[in-house]
Amino acid sequence: MNKLILASLSALALLGVAACSDSGTDNTTTQSTNPPAAEEPMKPAAPAAPDATKPAEPAPATPPAQ
């Protein structure tokens, strides 16, 4: 039984190394793409109102009932 477990683990390790190894047979190259010259880069959006940057204020506290 130990031999079967050892053989299974060895086979699994061998497949893992084979799948993750860099064999050097991949000769493909990648090239970045440039955006068309006619398009302008996006500009950040302007705030909708001058109050838009202020944090919200909490509601006023009411006195406890007596």
N, C-alpha and C. Protein backbone atom coordinates (compact mmCIF):
# COMPACT_ATOMS: atom_id res chain seq x y z
N MET A 1 0.83 -1.19 0.00
CA MET A 1 0.00 0.00 0.00
C MET A 1 0.88 1.26 0.00
N ASN A 2 1.97 1.24 0.76
CA ASN A 2 2.86 2.39 0.80
C ASN A 2 3.50 2.66 -0.55
N LYS A 3 3.80 1.60 -1.30
CA LYS A 3 4.40 1.77 -2.62
C LYS A 3 3.41 2.45 -3.58
N LEU A 4 2.14 2.10 -3.46
CA LEU A 4 1.12 2.70 -4.32
C LEU A 4 0.97 4.19 -4.02
N ILE A 5 0.97 4.54 -2.74
CA ILE A 5 0.86 5.94 -2.35
C ILE A 5 2.10 6.71 -2.81
N LEU A 6 3.27 6.13 -2.62
CA LEU A 6 4.51 6.78 -3.03
C LEU A 6 4.55 6.96 -4.55
N ALA A 7 4.10 5.96 -5.29
CA ALA A 7 4.09 6.06 -6.76
C ALA A 7 3.10 7.14 -7.21
N SER A 8 1.96 7.23 -6.54
CA SER A 8 0.96 8.24 -6.91
C SER A 8 1.49 9.64 -6.64
N LEU A 9 2.11 9.83 -5.48
CA LEU A 9 2.65 11.13 -5.16
C LEU A 9 3.80 11.52 -6.09
N SER A 10 4.62 10.55 -6.46
CA SER A 10 5.71 10.82 -7.40
C SER A 10 5.17 11.21 -8.77
N ALA A 11 4.15 10.50 -9.23
CA ALA A 11 3.55 10.82 -10.52
C ALA A 11 2.91 12.20 -10.50
N LEU A 12 2.26 12.53 -9.39
CA LEU A 12 1.63 13.84 -9.27
C LEU A 12 2.68 14.94 -9.26
N ALA A 13 3.78 14.73 -8.55
CA ALA A 13 4.85 15.72 -8.52
C ALA A 13 5.49 15.88 -9.90
N LEU A 14 5.67 14.78 -10.60
CA LEU A 14 6.26 14.83 -11.94
C LEU A 14 5.36 15.60 -12.90
N LEU A 15 4.05 15.37 -12.82
CA LEU A 15 3.12 16.11 -13.68
C LEU A 15 3.11 17.60 -13.32
N GLY A 16 3.22 17.91 -12.04
CA GLY A 16 3.25 19.31 -11.62
C GLY A 16 4.47 20.02 -12.14
N VAL A 17 5.62 19.37 -12.08
CA VAL A 17 6.85 19.97 -12.59
C VAL A 17 6.78 20.11 -14.10
N ALA A 18 6.22 19.13 -14.78
CA ALA A 18 6.13 19.19 -16.24
C ALA A 18 5.18 20.30 -16.68
N ALA A 19 4.12 20.53 -15.92
CA ALA A 19 3.14 21.55 -16.30
C ALA A 19 3.69 22.95 -16.05
N CYS A 20 4.50 23.12 -15.04
CA CYS A 20 4.98 24.46 -14.65
C CYS A 20 6.38 24.78 -15.17
N SER A 21 7.02 23.85 -15.83
CA SER A 21 8.40 24.11 -16.26
C SER A 21 8.40 25.01 -17.49
N ASP A 22 9.50 25.72 -17.67
CA ASP A 22 9.68 26.58 -18.83
C ASP A 22 10.56 25.83 -19.82
N SER A 23 9.92 25.21 -20.80
CA SER A 23 10.68 24.36 -21.71
C SER A 23 11.38 25.17 -22.81
N GLY A 24 11.00 26.41 -23.03
CA GLY A 24 11.66 27.22 -24.04
C GLY A 24 11.14 26.98 -25.44
N THR A 25 10.09 26.22 -25.62
CA THR A 25 9.57 25.97 -26.97
C THR A 25 8.57 27.02 -27.41
N ASP A 26 8.18 27.91 -26.51
CA ASP A 26 7.22 28.94 -26.84
C ASP A 26 7.97 30.16 -27.37
N ASN A 27 7.93 30.37 -28.68
CA ASN A 27 8.66 31.47 -29.29
C ASN A 27 7.75 32.63 -29.67
N THR A 28 6.56 32.70 -29.09
CA THR A 28 5.65 33.78 -29.44
C THR A 28 6.07 35.06 -28.74
N THR A 29 5.77 36.17 -29.37
CA THR A 29 6.08 37.48 -28.79
C THR A 29 4.78 38.26 -28.68
N THR A 30 4.75 39.19 -27.76
CA THR A 30 3.58 40.05 -27.61
C THR A 30 3.97 41.48 -27.92
N GLN A 31 3.00 42.24 -28.35
CA GLN A 31 3.25 43.62 -28.70
C GLN A 31 2.15 44.46 -28.10
N SER A 32 2.52 45.56 -27.46
CA SER A 32 1.50 46.43 -26.89
C SER A 32 0.81 47.19 -28.00
N THR A 33 -0.43 47.54 -27.74
CA THR A 33 -1.19 48.30 -28.74
C THR A 33 -1.21 49.76 -28.33
N ASN A 34 -1.12 50.63 -29.29
CA ASN A 34 -1.17 52.06 -29.04
C ASN A 34 -2.55 52.57 -29.41
N PRO A 35 -3.14 53.48 -28.61
CA PRO A 35 -4.46 54.01 -28.97
C PRO A 35 -4.35 54.88 -30.22
N PRO A 36 -5.43 55.00 -30.95
CA PRO A 36 -5.40 55.86 -32.15
C PRO A 36 -5.04 57.29 -31.77
N ALA A 37 -4.34 57.98 -32.64
CA ALA A 37 -3.88 59.34 -32.35
C ALA A 37 -5.04 60.32 -32.28
N ALA A 38 -6.18 60.02 -32.93
CA ALA A 38 -7.31 60.94 -32.97
C ALA A 38 -8.01 61.03 -31.61
N GLU A 39 -7.92 60.00 -30.79
CA GLU A 39 -8.61 60.01 -29.50
C GLU A 39 -7.80 60.76 -28.45
N GLU A 40 -8.49 61.51 -27.60
CA GLU A 40 -7.84 62.21 -26.51
C GLU A 40 -8.00 61.37 -25.24
N PRO A 41 -7.05 61.47 -24.32
CA PRO A 41 -7.22 60.74 -23.07
C PRO A 41 -8.40 61.28 -22.27
N MET A 42 -8.97 60.44 -21.44
CA MET A 42 -10.13 60.85 -20.65
C MET A 42 -9.72 61.88 -19.60
N LYS A 43 -10.60 62.83 -19.36
CA LYS A 43 -10.37 63.86 -18.36
C LYS A 43 -11.17 63.50 -17.11
N PRO A 44 -10.68 63.87 -15.92
CA PRO A 44 -11.46 63.58 -14.72
C PRO A 44 -12.75 64.38 -14.69
N ALA A 45 -13.78 63.80 -14.13
CA ALA A 45 -15.08 64.45 -14.08
C ALA A 45 -15.05 65.58 -13.06
N ALA A 46 -15.73 66.67 -13.39
CA ALA A 46 -15.82 67.80 -12.48
C ALA A 46 -16.92 67.52 -11.45
N PRO A 47 -16.79 68.03 -10.23
CA PRO A 47 -17.85 67.82 -9.24
C PRO A 47 -19.16 68.45 -9.71
N ALA A 48 -20.28 67.84 -9.34
CA ALA A 48 -21.58 68.31 -9.79
C ALA A 48 -21.92 69.67 -9.18
N ALA A 49 -21.59 69.86 -7.91
CA ALA A 49 -21.91 71.11 -7.24
C ALA A 49 -20.79 71.43 -6.26
N PRO A 50 -20.67 72.69 -5.84
CA PRO A 50 -19.61 73.02 -4.89
C PRO A 50 -19.79 72.30 -3.55
N ASP A 51 -21.03 71.95 -3.20
CA ASP A 51 -21.29 71.26 -1.94
C ASP A 51 -20.94 69.77 -2.01
N ALA A 52 -20.62 69.30 -3.17
CA ALA A 52 -20.41 67.86 -3.34
C ALA A 52 -19.20 67.34 -2.56
N THR A 53 -18.25 68.21 -2.25
CA THR A 53 -17.06 67.74 -1.54
C THR A 53 -17.20 67.83 -0.03
N LYS A 54 -18.27 68.46 0.48
CA LYS A 54 -18.47 68.56 1.92
C LYS A 54 -19.03 67.24 2.46
N PRO A 55 -18.60 66.83 3.64
CA PRO A 55 -19.19 65.62 4.22
C PRO A 55 -20.60 65.92 4.72
N ALA A 56 -21.42 64.91 4.77
CA ALA A 56 -22.78 65.07 5.26
C ALA A 56 -22.76 65.34 6.76
N GLU A 57 -23.66 66.20 7.21
CA GLU A 57 -23.73 66.51 8.63
C GLU A 57 -24.80 65.65 9.28
N PRO A 58 -24.55 65.18 10.52
CA PRO A 58 -25.57 64.35 11.18
C PRO A 58 -26.78 65.18 11.59
N ALA A 59 -27.89 64.50 11.75
CA ALA A 59 -29.10 65.16 12.18
C ALA A 59 -28.94 65.67 13.61
N PRO A 60 -29.60 66.79 13.96
CA PRO A 60 -29.46 67.29 15.33
C PRO A 60 -30.07 66.31 16.34
N ALA A 61 -29.45 66.23 17.49
CA ALA A 61 -29.93 65.32 18.53
C ALA A 61 -31.16 65.92 19.20
N THR A 62 -32.10 65.05 19.52
CA THR A 62 -33.30 65.51 20.23
C THR A 62 -33.12 65.24 21.71
N PRO A 63 -33.63 66.11 22.58
CA PRO A 63 -33.48 65.86 24.02
C PRO A 63 -34.28 64.64 24.43
N PRO A 64 -33.79 63.88 25.41
CA PRO A 64 -34.53 62.69 25.83
C PRO A 64 -35.84 63.05 26.52
N ALA A 65 -36.84 62.22 26.37
CA ALA A 65 -38.15 62.45 26.99
C ALA A 65 -38.05 62.25 28.49
N GLN A 66 -38.77 63.10 29.27
CA GLN A 66 -38.71 62.98 30.74
C GLN A 66 -40.03 62.64 31.33
